[in-house]
């Protein structure tokens, strides 16, 4: 009876260790993606007047979206790992939001570079989510071809 308990415990430990190795190997096989810092800006203003009285206002400033881009990659592209170390990345993604456009204009520009620094894909979309989806598709396609 004592040997049986020992055998069961040993098998359980070996199973947990094997599962850890498999999960670690899967994580290591995912491509690492570095997201370049987003330097988007937004400026808005208005001017109006009535009966000879004129009024105006402007507002704006930096609208960095890097954290939002990383969050969206995590949701829409689970087949990659986002890294903050550019030198460890297999791919680099540059995604910029172009402010000052109307709602119909495509204002999210993206470029995907491989580890050698060569451009793999680029495009424009109306939403951040679609830009991430297109960038993810380019990375996934390149990984399959390798």
Protein backbone atom coordinates (compact mmCIF):
# COMPACT_ATOMS: atom_id res chain seq x y z
CA UNK A 1 0.00 0.00 0.00
CA UNK A 2 2.83 2.37 0.87
CA UNK A 3 4.55 1.75 -2.49
CA UNK A 4 1.31 2.40 -4.35
CA UNK A 5 0.86 5.83 -2.70
CA UNK A 6 4.48 6.66 -3.50
CA UNK A 7 3.99 5.61 -7.15
CA UNK A 8 0.82 7.70 -7.49
CA UNK A 9 2.52 10.74 -5.93
CA UNK A 10 5.55 10.33 -8.20
CA UNK A 11 3.33 10.05 -11.28
CA UNK A 12 1.45 13.20 -10.26
CA UNK A 13 4.71 15.13 -9.82
CA UNK A 14 6.00 13.90 -13.19
CA UNK A 15 2.72 14.86 -14.88
CA UNK A 16 2.85 18.39 -13.44
CA UNK A 17 6.49 18.74 -14.54
CA UNK A 18 5.66 17.52 -18.05
CA UNK A 19 2.72 19.91 -18.30
CA UNK A 20 4.98 22.79 -17.24
CA UNK A 21 7.53 21.87 -19.94
CA UNK A 22 4.83 21.67 -22.62
CA UNK A 23 3.28 25.02 -21.66
CA UNK A 24 6.70 26.69 -21.50
CA UNK A 25 7.59 25.32 -24.94
CA UNK A 26 4.33 26.65 -26.39
CA UNK A 27 5.00 30.10 -24.91
CA UNK A 28 8.54 30.07 -26.32
CA UNK A 29 7.25 29.14 -29.79
CA UNK A 30 5.02 32.22 -29.96
CA UNK A 31 6.56 35.12 -31.88
CA UNK A 32 7.67 38.06 -29.75
CA UNK A 33 6.40 41.45 -30.88
CA UNK A 34 7.70 44.85 -29.82
CA UNK A 35 5.20 47.72 -30.08
CA UNK A 36 6.88 51.02 -30.94
CA UNK A 37 5.93 53.99 -28.78
CA UNK A 38 2.86 55.77 -30.15
CA UNK A 39 3.41 59.51 -30.61
CA UNK A 40 -0.10 60.49 -31.65
CA UNK A 41 -1.37 64.02 -31.14
CA UNK A 42 -4.84 65.51 -31.15
CA UNK A 43 -5.77 69.17 -31.45
CA UNK A 44 -9.27 70.61 -31.65
CA UNK A 45 -10.53 74.13 -31.83
CA UNK A 46 -13.50 76.27 -32.59
CA UNK A 47 -14.37 79.85 -33.49
CA UNK A 48 -17.72 81.55 -33.39
CA UNK A 49 -19.30 84.95 -33.24
CA UNK A 50 -22.62 86.74 -32.75
CA UNK A 51 -23.41 90.45 -33.02
CA UNK A 52 -19.80 91.53 -33.28
CA UNK A 53 -18.61 89.34 -30.40
CA UNK A 54 -16.08 86.71 -31.33
CA UNK A 55 -14.99 83.71 -29.24
CA UNK A 56 -12.51 80.93 -29.83
CA UNK A 57 -10.96 78.00 -28.04
CA UNK A 58 -8.39 75.35 -28.74
CA UNK A 59 -7.29 72.29 -26.86
CA UNK A 60 -5.08 69.35 -27.51
CA UNK A 61 -1.89 67.55 -26.78
CA UNK A 62 -0.25 64.19 -26.86
CA UNK A 63 -2.51 61.14 -27.11
CA UNK A 64 -0.13 58.22 -26.76
CA UNK A 65 -1.92 54.95 -27.38
CA UNK A 66 0.85 52.44 -26.68
CA UNK A 67 -0.86 50.83 -23.68
CA UNK A 68 -4.15 50.59 -25.58
CA UNK A 69 -2.36 49.03 -28.57
CA UNK A 70 -0.69 46.43 -26.33
CA UNK A 71 -4.01 45.65 -24.65
CA UNK A 72 -5.71 45.24 -28.03
CA UNK A 73 -2.92 42.94 -29.26
CA UNK A 74 -3.46 40.79 -26.16
CA UNK A 75 -7.17 40.48 -26.95
CA UNK A 76 -7.10 40.14 -30.74
CA UNK A 77 -3.82 38.32 -31.28
CA UNK A 78 -3.33 35.64 -28.61
CA UNK A 79 -0.86 33.80 -30.85
CA UNK A 80 1.88 36.36 -30.08
CA UNK A 81 3.75 37.59 -27.01
CA UNK A 82 4.23 41.34 -26.60
CA UNK A 83 7.69 42.16 -25.26
CA UNK A 84 9.12 45.42 -24.00
CA UNK A 85 12.64 44.40 -25.08
CA UNK A 86 13.12 45.35 -28.69
CA UNK A 87 16.33 43.32 -29.00
CA UNK A 88 14.41 40.11 -28.15
CA UNK A 89 11.56 40.75 -30.60
CA UNK A 90 10.90 38.73 -33.74
CA UNK A 91 8.72 41.56 -35.10
CA UNK A 92 8.29 45.28 -34.55
CA UNK A 93 4.93 46.99 -35.01
CA UNK A 94 4.53 50.72 -35.53
CA UNK A 95 0.94 51.91 -35.17
CA UNK A 96 -0.01 55.56 -35.27
CA UNK A 97 -3.33 57.28 -34.91
CA UNK A 98 -3.67 60.29 -37.16
CA UNK A 99 -5.77 62.95 -35.46
CA UNK A 100 -7.85 65.64 -37.07
CA UNK A 101 -9.63 63.40 -39.57
CA UNK A 102 -13.34 62.99 -40.03
CA UNK A 103 -15.03 59.73 -39.03
CA UNK A 104 -14.92 58.24 -42.54
CA UNK A 105 -11.19 58.78 -43.11
CA UNK A 106 -8.78 55.97 -42.36
CA UNK A 107 -6.73 57.30 -39.49
CA UNK A 108 -4.91 54.29 -37.99
CA UNK A 109 -1.70 53.57 -39.88
CA UNK A 110 0.36 50.45 -39.17
CA UNK A 111 3.62 48.88 -40.34
CA UNK A 112 5.00 45.45 -39.42
CA UNK A 113 8.76 44.82 -39.62
CA UNK A 114 10.47 41.45 -39.32
CA UNK A 115 13.56 40.79 -37.17
CA UNK A 116 15.85 41.91 -40.00
CA UNK A 117 14.11 45.29 -40.12
CA UNK A 118 12.33 44.65 -43.41
CA UNK A 119 8.76 45.84 -43.86
CA UNK A 120 6.30 42.93 -44.14
CA UNK A 121 2.99 44.77 -44.26
CA UNK A 122 1.46 48.19 -43.90
CA UNK A 123 -1.96 49.68 -44.17
CA UNK A 124 -4.63 52.04 -42.92
CA UNK A 125 -7.84 51.29 -41.07
CA UNK A 126 -10.59 53.26 -39.40
CA UNK A 127 -10.30 51.49 -36.06
CA UNK A 128 -7.41 50.49 -33.84
CA UNK A 129 -8.83 46.97 -33.54
CA UNK A 130 -8.74 46.45 -37.30
CA UNK A 131 -5.19 47.78 -37.52
CA UNK A 132 -4.13 45.26 -34.85
CA UNK A 133 -6.05 42.49 -36.63
CA UNK A 134 -4.28 43.25 -39.93
CA UNK A 135 -0.86 43.46 -38.26
CA UNK A 136 -1.51 40.16 -36.49
CA UNK A 137 -2.52 38.51 -39.76
CA UNK A 138 0.75 39.65 -41.37
CA UNK A 139 2.79 38.25 -38.47
CA UNK A 140 0.88 34.96 -38.48
CA UNK A 141 1.30 34.59 -42.25
CA UNK A 142 5.04 35.25 -42.01
CA UNK A 143 5.41 32.73 -39.18
CA UNK A 144 3.63 30.04 -41.22
CA UNK A 145 5.89 30.71 -44.20
CA UNK A 146 9.00 30.32 -42.06
